[in-house]
């Protein structure tokens, strides 16, 4: 199955362990030597009412992605990763 990065960026990432919506994919980590996608990046939580900016981005390893659906990407990540 092939998917474009532009298609990934319009899907919401949802943690299957607790149902929490993490946000859209903002970037990918790619191993240049192998061409493999190693992780997806999702924006971190907003700081103080969203006025001051955001926290660090979530880096979700590709192995944690369980399913890429039509509208969402289901991942299984613990609070230790987030």
N, C-alpha and C. Protein backbone atom coordinates (compact mmCIF):
# COMPACT_ATOMS: atom_id res chain seq x y z
N UNK A 1 0.84 -1.18 0.00
CA UNK A 1 0.00 0.00 0.00
C UNK A 1 0.89 1.24 0.00
N UNK A 2 0.57 2.18 -0.83
CA UNK A 2 1.30 3.44 -0.89
C UNK A 2 0.42 4.57 -0.37
N UNK A 3 1.07 5.52 0.30
CA UNK A 3 0.35 6.69 0.79
C UNK A 3 1.28 7.90 0.66
N UNK A 4 0.72 9.02 0.32
CA UNK A 4 1.50 10.24 0.17
C UNK A 4 1.59 10.97 1.52
N UNK A 5 2.65 11.73 1.70
CA UNK A 5 2.79 12.48 2.94
C UNK A 5 1.67 13.51 3.07
N UNK A 6 1.21 14.05 1.95
CA UNK A 6 0.11 15.01 2.01
C UNK A 6 -1.17 14.36 2.53
N UNK A 7 -1.35 13.07 2.27
CA UNK A 7 -2.52 12.35 2.78
C UNK A 7 -2.38 12.10 4.29
N UNK A 8 -1.16 11.86 4.75
CA UNK A 8 -0.95 11.65 6.19
C UNK A 8 -1.24 12.92 6.97
N UNK A 9 -0.90 14.07 6.41
CA UNK A 9 -1.04 15.33 7.14
C UNK A 9 -2.48 15.77 7.36
N UNK A 10 -3.43 15.19 6.66
CA UNK A 10 -4.83 15.57 6.86
C UNK A 10 -5.57 14.60 7.80
N UNK A 11 -4.86 13.60 8.29
CA UNK A 11 -5.46 12.63 9.19
C UNK A 11 -5.12 12.98 10.64
N UNK A 12 -6.07 12.78 11.53
CA UNK A 12 -5.83 12.97 12.96
C UNK A 12 -5.18 11.72 13.53
N UNK A 13 -4.26 11.92 14.45
CA UNK A 13 -3.62 10.81 15.16
C UNK A 13 -4.37 10.62 16.47
N UNK A 14 -4.81 9.38 16.71
CA UNK A 14 -5.59 9.05 17.91
C UNK A 14 -4.89 7.91 18.64
N UNK A 15 -4.73 8.08 19.95
CA UNK A 15 -4.13 7.03 20.77
C UNK A 15 -5.19 5.98 21.08
N UNK A 16 -4.99 4.78 20.60
CA UNK A 16 -5.96 3.70 20.79
C UNK A 16 -6.05 3.25 22.25
N UNK A 17 -5.03 3.53 23.05
CA UNK A 17 -5.04 3.09 24.45
C UNK A 17 -6.03 3.87 25.31
N UNK A 18 -6.20 5.18 25.01
CA UNK A 18 -7.11 5.98 25.83
C UNK A 18 -8.09 6.82 25.01
N UNK A 19 -8.04 6.72 23.69
CA UNK A 19 -8.98 7.44 22.83
C UNK A 19 -8.65 8.92 22.65
N UNK A 20 -7.52 9.35 23.17
CA UNK A 20 -7.15 10.77 23.11
C UNK A 20 -6.71 11.15 21.70
N UNK A 21 -7.22 12.29 21.23
CA UNK A 21 -6.82 12.84 19.94
C UNK A 21 -5.52 13.60 20.16
N UNK A 22 -4.47 13.24 19.43
CA UNK A 22 -3.17 13.88 19.60
C UNK A 22 -2.95 15.02 18.62
N UNK A 23 -3.64 15.00 17.50
CA UNK A 23 -3.50 16.06 16.51
C UNK A 23 -3.07 15.52 15.16
N UNK A 24 -2.84 16.41 14.21
CA UNK A 24 -2.44 15.97 12.86
C UNK A 24 -0.94 15.69 12.78
N UNK A 25 -0.55 14.93 11.79
CA UNK A 25 0.87 14.70 11.51
C UNK A 25 1.45 16.00 10.97
N UNK A 26 2.55 16.46 11.56
CA UNK A 26 3.18 17.69 11.09
C UNK A 26 4.49 17.42 10.34
N UNK A 27 5.11 16.28 10.62
CA UNK A 27 6.38 15.99 9.99
C UNK A 27 6.68 14.50 10.09
N UNK A 28 7.67 14.06 9.34
CA UNK A 28 8.11 12.67 9.36
C UNK A 28 9.61 12.62 9.62
N UNK A 29 10.07 11.58 10.31
CA UNK A 29 11.50 11.30 10.42
C UNK A 29 11.80 10.15 9.48
N UNK A 30 12.73 10.38 8.55
CA UNK A 30 13.06 9.38 7.54
C UNK A 30 14.54 9.04 7.64
N UNK A 31 14.85 7.74 7.61
CA UNK A 31 16.23 7.29 7.57
C UNK A 31 16.71 7.45 6.14
N UNK A 32 17.65 8.34 5.94
CA UNK A 32 18.11 8.65 4.58
C UNK A 32 18.81 7.45 3.94
N UNK A 33 19.50 6.64 4.74
CA UNK A 33 20.22 5.49 4.18
C UNK A 33 19.29 4.42 3.65
N UNK A 34 18.18 4.16 4.35
CA UNK A 34 17.28 3.08 3.95
C UNK A 34 16.00 3.59 3.27
N UNK A 35 15.69 4.86 3.47
CA UNK A 35 14.46 5.41 2.92
C UNK A 35 13.22 5.08 3.74
N UNK A 36 13.41 4.47 4.90
CA UNK A 36 12.28 4.08 5.75
C UNK A 36 11.84 5.24 6.64
N UNK A 37 10.51 5.32 6.83
CA UNK A 37 9.96 6.28 7.78
C UNK A 37 10.18 5.70 9.17
N UNK A 38 10.83 6.47 10.05
CA UNK A 38 11.13 6.00 11.40
C UNK A 38 10.12 6.49 12.42
N UNK A 39 9.52 7.68 12.20
CA UNK A 39 8.59 8.23 13.18
C UNK A 39 7.73 9.30 12.52
N UNK A 40 6.57 9.55 13.14
CA UNK A 40 5.73 10.68 12.75
C UNK A 40 5.77 11.68 13.89
N UNK A 41 5.65 12.95 13.55
CA UNK A 41 5.66 14.01 14.56
C UNK A 41 4.29 14.64 14.61
N UNK A 42 3.84 14.88 15.85
CA UNK A 42 2.53 15.47 16.11
C UNK A 42 2.79 16.66 17.03
N UNK A 43 2.07 17.79 16.84
CA UNK A 43 2.33 18.95 17.71
C UNK A 43 2.08 18.63 19.18
N UNK A 44 2.92 19.19 20.03
CA UNK A 44 2.78 18.99 21.48
C UNK A 44 1.59 19.75 22.03
N UNK A 45 1.33 19.58 23.31
CA UNK A 45 0.18 20.24 23.93
C UNK A 45 0.38 21.75 24.00
N UNK A 46 -0.71 22.52 23.93
CA UNK A 46 -0.57 23.99 24.03
C UNK A 46 -0.15 24.39 25.45
N UNK A 47 0.61 25.46 25.51
CA UNK A 47 1.00 26.03 26.80
C UNK A 47 0.00 27.11 27.17
N UNK A 48 -0.13 27.41 28.40
CA UNK A 48 -0.98 28.46 28.97
C UNK A 48 -2.03 29.02 28.00
N UNK A 49 -3.14 28.35 27.90
CA UNK A 49 -4.28 28.76 27.08
C UNK A 49 -3.96 28.90 25.60
N UNK A 50 -2.87 28.30 25.16
CA UNK A 50 -2.51 28.37 23.75
C UNK A 50 -1.91 29.69 23.33
N UNK A 51 -1.70 30.60 24.27
CA UNK A 51 -1.20 31.94 23.93
C UNK A 51 0.32 31.93 23.76
N UNK A 52 1.00 31.20 24.62
CA UNK A 52 2.47 31.23 24.65
C UNK A 52 3.08 30.27 23.63
N UNK A 53 2.33 29.42 23.03
CA UNK A 53 2.88 28.48 22.06
C UNK A 53 2.58 27.05 22.47
N UNK A 54 3.40 26.15 22.00
CA UNK A 54 3.20 24.73 22.24
C UNK A 54 4.42 24.12 22.91
N UNK A 55 4.19 22.97 23.54
CA UNK A 55 5.27 22.20 24.12
C UNK A 55 6.01 21.46 23.02
N UNK A 56 6.92 20.61 23.42
CA UNK A 56 7.68 19.83 22.45
C UNK A 56 6.75 18.92 21.65
N UNK A 57 7.10 18.72 20.38
CA UNK A 57 6.32 17.82 19.54
C UNK A 57 6.42 16.39 20.06
N UNK A 58 5.35 15.63 19.84
CA UNK A 58 5.37 14.20 20.14
C UNK A 58 6.06 13.51 18.97
N UNK A 59 6.99 12.63 19.26
CA UNK A 59 7.65 11.82 18.24
C UNK A 59 7.17 10.40 18.45
N UNK A 60 6.38 9.91 17.51
CA UNK A 60 5.76 8.60 17.65
C UNK A 60 6.46 7.63 16.69
N UNK A 61 7.16 6.63 17.24
CA UNK A 61 7.86 5.67 16.39
C UNK A 61 6.88 4.96 15.44
N UNK A 62 7.35 4.67 14.24
CA UNK A 62 6.52 4.04 13.22
C UNK A 62 5.95 2.71 13.72
N UNK A 63 6.71 2.00 14.54
CA UNK A 63 6.24 0.71 15.06
C UNK A 63 5.00 0.85 15.94
N UNK A 64 4.75 2.04 16.47
CA UNK A 64 3.58 2.29 17.33
C UNK A 64 2.31 2.57 16.54
N UNK A 65 2.44 2.74 15.23
CA UNK A 65 1.26 2.96 14.40
C UNK A 65 0.60 1.61 14.16
N UNK A 66 -0.67 1.52 14.54
CA UNK A 66 -1.39 0.24 14.43
C UNK A 66 -2.27 0.16 13.19
N UNK A 67 -2.82 1.29 12.77
CA UNK A 67 -3.70 1.27 11.60
C UNK A 67 -3.78 2.68 11.03
N UNK A 68 -3.73 2.76 9.70
CA UNK A 68 -3.96 4.03 9.02
C UNK A 68 -5.30 3.88 8.31
N UNK A 69 -6.29 4.63 8.80
CA UNK A 69 -7.63 4.55 8.24
C UNK A 69 -7.92 5.69 7.28
N UNK A 70 -9.18 5.83 6.91
CA UNK A 70 -9.57 6.89 5.98
C UNK A 70 -9.43 8.27 6.59
N UNK A 71 -9.77 8.40 7.89
CA UNK A 71 -9.75 9.71 8.55
C UNK A 71 -8.75 9.82 9.68
N UNK A 72 -8.33 8.70 10.26
CA UNK A 72 -7.46 8.74 11.43
C UNK A 72 -6.30 7.77 11.31
N UNK A 73 -5.29 8.03 12.11
CA UNK A 73 -4.16 7.13 12.27
C UNK A 73 -4.21 6.66 13.72
N UNK A 74 -4.38 5.37 13.94
CA UNK A 74 -4.43 4.83 15.29
C UNK A 74 -3.03 4.42 15.74
N UNK A 75 -2.65 4.92 16.90
CA UNK A 75 -1.35 4.57 17.48
C UNK A 75 -1.57 4.02 18.88
N UNK A 76 -0.59 3.29 19.38
CA UNK A 76 -0.62 2.82 20.76
C UNK A 76 0.63 3.34 21.43
N UNK A 77 0.45 4.42 22.21
CA UNK A 77 1.57 5.03 22.92
C UNK A 77 1.20 5.27 24.38
N UNK A 78 2.17 5.05 25.25
CA UNK A 78 1.95 5.29 26.67
C UNK A 78 2.30 6.73 27.00
N UNK A 79 1.97 7.15 28.21
CA UNK A 79 2.30 8.50 28.65
C UNK A 79 3.80 8.73 28.69
N UNK A 80 4.60 7.66 28.80
CA UNK A 80 6.05 7.81 28.83
C UNK A 80 6.58 8.35 27.51
N UNK A 81 5.95 8.00 26.42
CA UNK A 81 6.37 8.49 25.10
C UNK A 81 5.86 9.89 24.87
N UNK A 82 4.66 10.19 25.39
CA UNK A 82 4.07 11.51 25.16
C UNK A 82 4.62 12.48 26.09
